[in-house]
Amino acid sequence: MTFLLNFIFSMLSTITFGIITNIPRRAFITCGITGAMGWMTFWVCQTYFKQNIGFSNFLAAIVIGLLSIYFSRKKKMPVIVFNVPSLVPLVPGGPAYMAVREMMDQNFDVSMQYIAVVLVTSGAIALGFMFTNVIEKFLKRTTATFRRERRR
């Protein structure tokens, strides 16, 4: 039941943010699926495999990136239409808020711990997207080389 609730609410949050950012209507469901799959990757890594937050976000960003590329080609839309709303479930808003709150209460040690979580999460997401771009370029080159060799 928890699995299903996580999937549904992450999909709804992604679609809602997609509505706010004005993505095309025909991308709502696929964008929601992309965001939900990214969140489920993160959640499964955290819950069942007890991975750290950086690795979980890295894998989730790779899943989001690959699904965004797939759906962008299938729907003939830019990748960013799927990337941006799909990141909403992964954004470290809670730790960022807590960092500022602890800083205002002058608990600087605790605040720095939250800032570290925010930085690790943001860095892992950025690295995941960079890794996805590397995978995409590698596949394009490999496919192009294979097609050239096949024509000969």
C-alpha atoms as a PDB file:
ATOM      1  CA  MET A   1       0.000   0.000   0.000  1.00  0.00           C
ATOM      2  CA  THR A   2       2.839   2.408   0.837  1.00  0.00           C
ATOM      3  CA  PHE A   3       4.409   1.670  -2.538  1.00  0.00           C
ATOM      4  CA  LEU A   4       1.210   2.590  -4.369  1.00  0.00           C
ATOM      5  CA  LEU A   5       0.680   5.768  -2.315  1.00  0.00           C
ATOM      6  CA  ASN A   6       4.242   6.920  -3.011  1.00  0.00           C
ATOM      7  CA  PHE A   7       3.745   6.316  -6.727  1.00  0.00           C
ATOM      8  CA  ILE A   8       0.392   8.115  -6.895  1.00  0.00           C
ATOM      9  CA  PHE A   9       1.428  11.172  -4.866  1.00  0.00           C
ATOM     10  CA  SER A  10       4.746  11.598  -6.672  1.00  0.00           C
ATOM     11  CA  MET A  11       2.906  11.361  -9.981  1.00  0.00           C
ATOM     12  CA  LEU A  12       0.332  13.934  -8.845  1.00  0.00           C
ATOM     13  CA  SER A  13       2.998  16.341  -7.585  1.00  0.00           C
ATOM     14  CA  THR A  14       4.842  16.078 -10.883  1.00  0.00           C
ATOM     15  CA  ILE A  15       1.709  16.669 -12.944  1.00  0.00           C
ATOM     16  CA  THR A  16       0.690  19.585 -10.711  1.00  0.00           C
ATOM     17  CA  PHE A  17       4.064  21.242 -11.114  1.00  0.00           C
ATOM     18  CA  GLY A  18       3.796  20.580 -14.854  1.00  0.00           C
ATOM     19  CA  ILE A  19       0.492  22.472 -14.865  1.00  0.00           C
ATOM     20  CA  ILE A  20       2.107  25.354 -12.978  1.00  0.00           C
ATOM     21  CA  THR A  21       5.037  25.491 -15.415  1.00  0.00           C
ATOM     22  CA  ASN A  22       2.627  25.334 -18.355  1.00  0.00           C
ATOM     23  CA  ILE A  23       3.777  22.174 -20.120  1.00  0.00           C
ATOM     24  CA  PRO A  24       1.578  20.914 -22.979  1.00  0.00           C
ATOM     25  CA  ARG A  25      -1.433  18.851 -21.937  1.00  0.00           C
ATOM     26  CA  ARG A  26      -0.358  15.863 -23.983  1.00  0.00           C
ATOM     27  CA  ALA A  27       2.744  15.560 -21.780  1.00  0.00           C
ATOM     28  CA  PHE A  28       0.951  15.412 -18.419  1.00  0.00           C
ATOM     29  CA  ILE A  29       0.701  11.639 -18.041  1.00  0.00           C
ATOM     30  CA  THR A  30       4.155  10.823 -19.409  1.00  0.00           C
ATOM     31  CA  CYS A  31       5.676  13.586 -17.297  1.00  0.00           C
ATOM     32  CA  GLY A  32       3.872  12.218 -14.248  1.00  0.00           C
ATOM     33  CA  ILE A  33       5.159   8.724 -14.968  1.00  0.00           C
ATOM     34  CA  THR A  34       8.695  10.063 -15.329  1.00  0.00           C
ATOM     35  CA  GLY A  35       8.544  11.889 -12.007  1.00  0.00           C
ATOM     36  CA  ALA A  36       6.934   8.941 -10.259  1.00  0.00           C
ATOM     37  CA  MET A  37       9.547   6.513 -11.569  1.00  0.00           C
ATOM     38  CA  GLY A  38      12.314   8.842 -10.428  1.00  0.00           C
ATOM     39  CA  TRP A  39      10.791   9.124  -6.963  1.00  0.00           C
ATOM     40  CA  MET A  40      10.183   5.379  -6.742  1.00  0.00           C
ATOM     41  CA  THR A  41      13.833   4.742  -7.625  1.00  0.00           C
ATOM     42  CA  PHE A  42      14.876   7.086  -4.830  1.00  0.00           C
ATOM     43  CA  TRP A  43      12.364   5.641  -2.382  1.00  0.00           C
ATOM     44  CA  VAL A  44      13.270   1.996  -3.076  1.00  0.00           C
ATOM     45  CA  CYS A  45      16.988   2.761  -2.732  1.00  0.00           C
ATOM     46  CA  GLN A  46      16.365   4.492   0.586  1.00  0.00           C
ATOM     47  CA  THR A  47      13.777   2.100   2.020  1.00  0.00           C
ATOM     48  CA  TYR A  48      14.802  -1.355   0.882  1.00  0.00           C
ATOM     49  CA  PHE A  49      18.483  -1.067  -0.020  1.00  0.00           C
ATOM     50  CA  LYS A  50      19.412   1.461   2.715  1.00  0.00           C
ATOM     51  CA  GLN A  51      21.561   3.512   0.327  1.00  0.00           C
ATOM     52  CA  ASN A  52      22.773   6.978   1.196  1.00  0.00           C
ATOM     53  CA  ILE A  53      20.900  10.007  -0.045  1.00  0.00           C
ATOM     54  CA  GLY A  54      23.495  10.922  -2.664  1.00  0.00           C
ATOM     55  CA  PHE A  55      23.483   7.559  -4.417  1.00  0.00           C
ATOM     56  CA  SER A  56      19.682   7.352  -4.293  1.00  0.00           C
ATOM     57  CA  ASN A  57      19.312  10.792  -5.890  1.00  0.00           C
ATOM     58  CA  PHE A  58      21.976   9.958  -8.468  1.00  0.00           C
ATOM     59  CA  LEU A  59      20.102   6.827  -9.599  1.00  0.00           C
ATOM     60  CA  ALA A  60      16.768   8.661  -9.558  1.00  0.00           C
ATOM     61  CA  ALA A  61      18.211  11.452 -11.720  1.00  0.00           C
ATOM     62  CA  ILE A  62      19.512   8.869 -14.201  1.00  0.00           C
ATOM     63  CA  VAL A  63      16.069   7.253 -14.392  1.00  0.00           C
ATOM     64  CA  ILE A  64      14.414  10.650 -14.884  1.00  0.00           C
ATOM     65  CA  GLY A  65      16.959  11.628 -17.517  1.00  0.00           C
ATOM     66  CA  LEU A  66      16.623   8.418 -19.516  1.00  0.00           C
ATOM     67  CA  LEU A  67      12.824   8.428 -19.358  1.00  0.00           C
ATOM     68  CA  SER A  68      12.782  12.114 -20.326  1.00  0.00           C
ATOM     69  CA  ILE A  69      14.886  11.378 -23.385  1.00  0.00           C
ATOM     70  CA  TYR A  70      12.671   8.437 -24.320  1.00  0.00           C
ATOM     71  CA  PHE A  71       9.393  10.335 -23.898  1.00  0.00           C
ATOM     72  CA  SER A  72      10.742  13.447 -25.617  1.00  0.00           C
ATOM     73  CA  ARG A  73      11.489  11.401 -28.715  1.00  0.00           C
ATOM     74  CA  LYS A  74       8.243   9.498 -28.529  1.00  0.00           C
ATOM     75  CA  LYS A  75       6.142  12.659 -28.082  1.00  0.00           C
ATOM     76  CA  LYS A  76       8.411  14.844 -30.266  1.00  0.00           C
ATOM     77  CA  MET A  77       8.854  17.436 -27.519  1.00  0.00           C
ATOM     78  CA  PRO A  78      11.894  18.999 -25.822  1.00  0.00           C
ATOM     79  CA  VAL A  79      13.525  16.986 -23.025  1.00  0.00           C
ATOM     80  CA  ILE A  80      13.182  19.869 -20.588  1.00  0.00           C
ATOM     81  CA  VAL A  81       9.385  19.494 -20.681  1.00  0.00           C
ATOM     82  CA  PHE A  82       9.841  16.186 -18.854  1.00  0.00           C
ATOM     83  CA  ASN A  83      13.004  16.935 -16.829  1.00  0.00           C
ATOM     84  CA  VAL A  84      11.918  20.001 -14.888  1.00  0.00           C
ATOM     85  CA  PRO A  85       8.567  18.842 -13.451  1.00  0.00           C
ATOM     86  CA  SER A  86       9.947  15.348 -12.795  1.00  0.00           C
ATOM     87  CA  LEU A  87      12.572  16.716 -10.440  1.00  0.00           C
ATOM     88  CA  VAL A  88       9.995  18.145  -8.040  1.00  0.00           C
ATOM     89  CA  PRO A  89       9.752  15.029  -5.834  1.00  0.00           C
ATOM     90  CA  LEU A  90      13.558  14.948  -5.470  1.00  0.00           C
ATOM     91  CA  VAL A  91      14.122  18.617  -4.623  1.00  0.00           C
ATOM     92  CA  PRO A  92      15.504  18.935  -1.068  1.00  0.00           C
ATOM     93  CA  GLY A  93      13.043  21.609   0.062  1.00  0.00           C
ATOM     94  CA  GLY A  94      12.618  20.236   3.583  1.00  0.00           C
ATOM     95  CA  PRO A  95      16.340  20.156   4.419  1.00  0.00           C
ATOM     96  CA  ALA A  96      16.819  23.613   2.859  1.00  0.00           C
ATOM     97  CA  TYR A  97      14.034  25.016   5.023  1.00  0.00           C
ATOM     98  CA  MET A  98      15.430  23.326   8.125  1.00  0.00           C
ATOM     99  CA  ALA A  99      18.922  24.698   7.377  1.00  0.00           C
ATOM    100  CA  VAL A 100      17.605  28.257   7.285  1.00  0.00           C
ATOM    101  CA  ARG A 101      15.456  27.671  10.360  1.00  0.00           C
ATOM    102  CA  GLU A 102      18.354  26.271  12.386  1.00  0.00           C
ATOM    103  CA  MET A 103      20.566  29.113  11.222  1.00  0.00           C
ATOM    104  CA  MET A 104      18.023  31.642  12.453  1.00  0.00           C
ATOM    105  CA  ASP A 105      17.935  29.832  15.801  1.00  0.00           C
ATOM    106  CA  GLN A 106      21.746  30.097  15.803  1.00  0.00           C
ATOM    107  CA  ASN A 107      22.233  26.313  15.768  1.00  0.00           C
ATOM    108  CA  PHE A 108      25.021  26.514  13.216  1.00  0.00           C
ATOM    109  CA  ASP A 109      26.248  22.936  13.614  1.00  0.00           C
ATOM    110  CA  VAL A 110      22.816  21.493  12.859  1.00  0.00           C
ATOM    111  CA  SER A 111      22.334  24.024  10.082  1.00  0.00           C
ATOM    112  CA  MET A 112      25.566  22.921   8.404  1.00  0.00           C
ATOM    113  CA  GLN A 113      24.393  19.309   8.503  1.00  0.00           C
ATOM    114  CA  TYR A 114      21.230  20.264   6.644  1.00  0.00           C
ATOM    115  CA  ILE A 115      23.219  22.358   4.170  1.00  0.00           C
ATOM    116  CA  ALA A 116      25.437  19.327   3.523  1.00  0.00           C
ATOM    117  CA  VAL A 117      22.340  17.236   2.755  1.00  0.00           C
ATOM    118  CA  VAL A 118      21.097  19.906   0.333  1.00  0.00           C
ATOM    119  CA  LEU A 119      24.476  20.123  -1.410  1.00  0.00           C
ATOM    120  CA  VAL A 120      24.862  16.347  -1.695  1.00  0.00           C
ATOM    121  CA  THR A 121      21.325  15.989  -3.043  1.00  0.00           C
ATOM    122  CA  SER A 122      21.730  18.805  -5.570  1.00  0.00           C
ATOM    123  CA  GLY A 123      25.124  17.552  -6.666  1.00  0.00           C
ATOM    124  CA  ALA A 124      23.874  13.987  -7.092  1.00  0.00           C
ATOM    125  CA  ILE A 125      20.964  15.167  -9.239  1.00  0.00           C
ATOM    126  CA  ALA A 126      23.302  17.269 -11.407  1.00  0.00           C
ATOM    127  CA  LEU A 127      25.744  14.362 -11.782  1.00  0.00           C
ATOM    128  CA  GLY A 128      22.891  12.032 -12.691  1.00  0.00           C
ATOM    129  CA  PHE A 129      21.787  14.339 -15.488  1.00  0.00           C
ATOM    130  CA  MET A 130      25.356  14.753 -16.745  1.00  0.00           C
ATOM    131  CA  PHE A 131      25.771  10.981 -16.747  1.00  0.00           C
ATOM    132  CA  THR A 132      22.526  10.646 -18.699  1.00  0.00           C
ATOM    133  CA  ASN A 133      23.804  13.102 -21.312  1.00  0.00           C
ATOM    134  CA  VAL A 134      27.006  11.086 -21.644  1.00  0.00           C
ATOM    135  CA  ILE A 135      24.977   7.890 -22.125  1.00  0.00           C
ATOM    136  CA  GLU A 136      22.792   9.587 -24.762  1.00  0.00           C
ATOM    137  CA  LYS A 137      25.776  10.896 -26.734  1.00  0.00           C
ATOM    138  CA  PHE A 138      27.496   7.500 -26.551  1.00  0.00           C
ATOM    139  CA  LEU A 139      24.389   5.751 -27.853  1.00  0.00           C
ATOM    140  CA  LYS A 140      23.975   8.286 -30.678  1.00  0.00           C
ATOM    141  CA  ARG A 141      27.580   7.809 -31.793  1.00  0.00           C
ATOM    142  CA  THR A 142      27.387   4.042 -31.516  1.00  0.00           C
ATOM    143  CA  THR A 143      24.134   3.927 -33.461  1.00  0.00           C
ATOM    144  CA  ALA A 144      25.490   6.248 -36.155  1.00  0.00           C
ATOM    145  CA  THR A 145      28.663   4.170 -36.483  1.00  0.00           C
ATOM    146  CA  PHE A 146      26.660   0.960 -36.658  1.00  0.00           C
ATOM    147  CA  ARG A 147      24.418   2.383 -39.400  1.00  0.00           C
ATOM    148  CA  ARG A 148      27.409   3.574 -41.424  1.00  0.00           C
ATOM    149  CA  GLU A 149      29.072   0.169 -41.177  1.00  0.00           C
ATOM    150  CA  ARG A 150      25.854  -1.586 -42.142  1.00  0.00           C
ATOM    151  CA  ARG A 151      25.486   0.499 -45.325  1.00  0.00           C
ATOM    152  CA  ARG A 152      28.899  -0.583 -46.590  1.00  0.00           C
END
